[in-house]
C-alpha atoms as a PDB file:
ATOM      1  CA  MET A   1     -72.679 103.520 115.972  1.00  0.00           C
ATOM      2  CA  LEU A   2     -73.197  99.853 114.692  1.00  0.00           C
ATOM      3  CA  PRO A   3     -76.187  98.028 114.897  1.00  0.00           C
ATOM      4  CA  THR A   4     -76.304  95.808 117.776  1.00  0.00           C
ATOM      5  CA  GLN A   5     -78.768  93.538 116.209  1.00  0.00           C
ATOM      6  CA  THR A   6     -79.063  92.449 112.606  1.00  0.00           C
ATOM      7  CA  LYS A   7     -82.172  91.798 110.668  1.00  0.00           C
ATOM      8  CA  PRO A   8     -82.569  87.973 109.642  1.00  0.00           C
ATOM      9  CA  VAL A   9     -82.005  87.192 105.830  1.00  0.00           C
ATOM     10  CA  GLU A  10     -85.657  85.651 104.674  1.00  0.00           C
ATOM     11  CA  VAL A  11     -84.885  83.084 101.436  1.00  0.00           C
ATOM     12  CA  ILE A  12     -87.686  82.584  99.601  1.00  0.00           C
ATOM     13  CA  THR A  13     -87.363  79.648  97.017  1.00  0.00           C
ATOM     14  CA  ILE A  14     -89.410  79.225  93.969  1.00  0.00           C
ATOM     15  CA  ALA A  15     -89.265  76.320  92.128  1.00  0.00           C
ATOM     16  CA  GLU A  16     -90.223  76.659  88.382  1.00  0.00           C
ATOM     17  CA  PRO A  17     -90.128  73.974  85.624  1.00  0.00           C
ATOM     18  CA  SER A  18     -88.692  74.709  83.028  1.00  0.00           C
ATOM     19  CA  PRO A  19     -91.021  75.043  79.877  1.00  0.00           C
ATOM     20  CA  MET A  20     -91.291  72.372  77.550  1.00  0.00           C
ATOM     21  CA  TYR A  21     -90.441  72.272  74.290  1.00  0.00           C
ATOM     22  CA  HIS A  22     -92.602  71.952  71.437  1.00  0.00           C
ATOM     23  CA  PRO A  23     -91.041  71.210  68.017  1.00  0.00           C
ATOM     24  CA  PRO A  24     -92.999  71.588  65.244  1.00  0.00           C
ATOM     25  CA  LEU A  25     -95.261  68.960  63.468  1.00  0.00           C
ATOM     26  CA  PRO A  26     -93.285  67.834  60.155  1.00  0.00           C
ATOM     27  CA  ILE A  27     -94.751  68.819  56.726  1.00  0.00           C
ATOM     28  CA  GLU A  28     -97.337  66.430  55.759  1.00  0.00           C
ATOM     29  CA  LEU A  29     -96.652  63.491  53.247  1.00  0.00           C
ATOM     30  CA  SER A  30     -96.699  64.813  50.051  1.00  0.00           C
ATOM     31  CA  MET A  31     -96.747  61.419  47.802  1.00  0.00           C
ATOM     32  CA  ALA A  32     -96.014  61.205  43.790  1.00  0.00           C
ATOM     33  CA  ASP A  33     -98.657  59.021  41.936  1.00  0.00           C
ATOM     34  CA  ILE A  34     -98.122  55.767  40.468  1.00  0.00           C
ATOM     35  CA  ASP A  35     -98.782  53.881  37.506  1.00  0.00           C
ATOM     36  CA  TRP A  36     -99.588  50.313  38.648  1.00  0.00           C
ATOM     37  CA  GLU A  37     -99.360  48.140  35.131  1.00  0.00           C
ATOM     38  CA  ILE A  38    -100.430  44.380  35.880  1.00  0.00           C
ATOM     39  CA  LEU A  39     -98.321  41.967  33.140  1.00  0.00           C
ATOM     40  CA  THR A  40    -100.569  38.859  32.666  1.00  0.00           C
ATOM     41  CA  PRO A  41     -98.673  36.448  30.552  1.00  0.00           C
ATOM     42  CA  LYS A  42    -100.670  37.337  27.599  1.00  0.00           C
ATOM     43  CA  LEU A  43     -99.223  41.321  28.214  1.00  0.00           C
ATOM     44  CA  MET A  44     -95.975  39.753  28.680  1.00  0.00           C
ATOM     45  CA  GLU A  45     -95.571  38.142  25.414  1.00  0.00           C
ATOM     46  CA  GLU A  46     -97.520  41.039  23.416  1.00  0.00           C
ATOM     47  CA  TYR A  47     -94.389  42.920  25.168  1.00  0.00           C
ATOM     48  CA  LEU A  48     -92.146  40.975  24.121  1.00  0.00           C
ATOM     49  CA  SER A  49     -92.456  40.644  20.725  1.00  0.00           C
ATOM     50  CA  ASP A  50     -93.395  44.716  20.453  1.00  0.00           C
ATOM     51  CA  LEU A  51     -89.939  44.536  22.135  1.00  0.00           C
ATOM     52  CA  HIS A  52     -87.906  42.571  19.462  1.00  0.00           C
ATOM     53  CA  LEU A  53     -89.380  44.707  16.502  1.00  0.00           C
ATOM     54  CA  GLY A  54     -88.600  47.854  18.023  1.00  0.00           C
ATOM     55  CA  SER A  55     -91.863  49.408  18.867  1.00  0.00           C
ATOM     56  CA  ALA A  56     -91.687  49.057  22.962  1.00  0.00           C
ATOM     57  CA  PRO A  57     -89.720  51.060  25.217  1.00  0.00           C
ATOM     58  CA  GLU A  58     -87.102  49.143  27.667  1.00  0.00           C
ATOM     59  CA  THR A  59     -88.476  49.320  30.753  1.00  0.00           C
ATOM     60  CA  ALA A  60     -87.531  47.212  33.757  1.00  0.00           C
ATOM     61  CA  TYR A  61     -90.544  45.377  35.275  1.00  0.00           C
ATOM     62  CA  TYR A  62     -90.556  44.514  39.280  1.00  0.00           C
ATOM     63  CA  SER A  63     -92.890  41.921  40.338  1.00  0.00           C
ATOM     64  CA  LEU A  64     -94.134  40.617  43.425  1.00  0.00           C
ATOM     65  CA  THR A  65     -95.334  37.614  44.582  1.00  0.00           C
ATOM     66  CA  SER A  66     -99.036  37.548  46.374  1.00  0.00           C
ATOM     67  CA  LYS A  67     -97.171  36.913  50.020  1.00  0.00           C
ATOM     68  CA  ASP A  68     -95.402  40.159  49.129  1.00  0.00           C
ATOM     69  CA  TYR A  69     -97.770  42.570  48.111  1.00  0.00           C
ATOM     70  CA  GLU A  70     -99.148  41.486  51.123  1.00  0.00           C
ATOM     71  CA  ASN A  71     -95.844  41.883  53.327  1.00  0.00           C
ATOM     72  CA  LEU A  72     -95.725  45.290  51.260  1.00  0.00           C
ATOM     73  CA  SER A  73     -99.400  46.000  52.306  1.00  0.00           C
ATOM     74  CA  MET A  74     -98.965  45.451  55.848  1.00  0.00           C
ATOM     75  CA  ASN A  75     -95.388  47.502  56.200  1.00  0.00           C
ATOM     76  CA  MET A  76     -97.381  50.357  54.863  1.00  0.00           C
ATOM     77  CA  ALA A  77    -100.167  49.906  57.225  1.00  0.00           C
ATOM     78  CA  GLU A  78     -97.366  49.333  60.138  1.00  0.00           C
ATOM     79  CA  ILE A  79     -96.027  52.693  59.054  1.00  0.00           C
ATOM     80  CA  LYS A  80     -99.675  54.745  59.303  1.00  0.00           C
ATOM     81  CA  ARG A  81     -99.876  53.010  62.700  1.00  0.00           C
ATOM     82  CA  TYR A  82     -96.717  54.248  63.952  1.00  0.00           C
ATOM     83  CA  ILE A  83     -97.186  57.722  62.564  1.00  0.00           C
ATOM     84  CA  LYS A  84    -100.333  57.951  64.517  1.00  0.00           C
ATOM     85  CA  GLU A  85     -99.309  56.522  67.673  1.00  0.00           C
ATOM     86  CA  THR A  86     -96.177  58.974  67.823  1.00  0.00           C
ATOM     87  CA  LEU A  87     -98.555  61.722  66.690  1.00  0.00           C
ATOM     88  CA  HIS A  88    -101.278  60.735  70.185  1.00  0.00           C
ATOM     89  CA  ILE A  89     -98.124  61.169  72.172  1.00  0.00           C
ATOM     90  CA  ILE A  90     -96.949  64.534  70.826  1.00  0.00           C
ATOM     91  CA  GLU A  91    -100.165  65.867  71.224  1.00  0.00           C
ATOM     92  CA  PHE A  92    -100.610  64.012  74.834  1.00  0.00           C
ATOM     93  CA  TYR A  93     -97.459  66.236  76.029  1.00  0.00           C
ATOM     94  CA  ARG A  94     -98.658  69.790  74.364  1.00  0.00           C
ATOM     95  CA  GLU A  95    -102.361  68.996  76.137  1.00  0.00           C
ATOM     96  CA  TYR A  96    -100.300  68.604  78.988  1.00  0.00           C
ATOM     97  CA  ASP A  97     -98.180  71.675  78.716  1.00  0.00           C
ATOM     98  CA  LYS A  98    -101.613  73.945  78.392  1.00  0.00           C
ATOM     99  CA  GLU A  99    -103.019  72.345  81.546  1.00  0.00           C
ATOM    100  CA  ASP A 100    -100.119  73.139  83.707  1.00  0.00           C
ATOM    101  CA  LYS A 101     -99.943  76.592  82.382  1.00  0.00           C
ATOM    102  CA  ASP A 102    -103.665  76.883  82.736  1.00  0.00           C
ATOM    103  CA  ALA A 103    -103.752  75.458  86.486  1.00  0.00           C
ATOM    104  CA  GLU A 104    -100.510  78.161  87.223  1.00  0.00           C
ATOM    105  CA  LYS A 105    -102.685  80.834  85.729  1.00  0.00           C
ATOM    106  CA  VAL A 106    -105.306  79.534  88.162  1.00  0.00           C
ATOM    107  CA  SER A 107    -103.350  79.499  91.235  1.00  0.00           C
ATOM    108  CA  GLU A 108    -101.173  82.617  89.953  1.00  0.00           C
ATOM    109  CA  ASN A 109    -104.958  84.797  90.278  1.00  0.00           C
ATOM    110  CA  LYS A 110    -105.832  83.377  93.996  1.00  0.00           C
END
């Protein structure tokens, strides 16, 4: 009653890569406007005299030398470059994954 021969077991392995995660892009920057006020020595004298008279607001001023302003500008340009390069890398991987999915669909249809 027992079969004398057993059927060989056929093992088929299908390797499928796990799907690539595509995080959403961050929300675009929303910068607040900045009011720049340039104080020349003459304007500073007027401000100080008005301050002593009590008609000027007590405002703290920050100053930059020409070199520091140049450094600030270079830093902002460096941030922009970094963001652009990062977005290009993200775009590359998204396109790469899209091409892989398209290739899989073509091979499945054959």
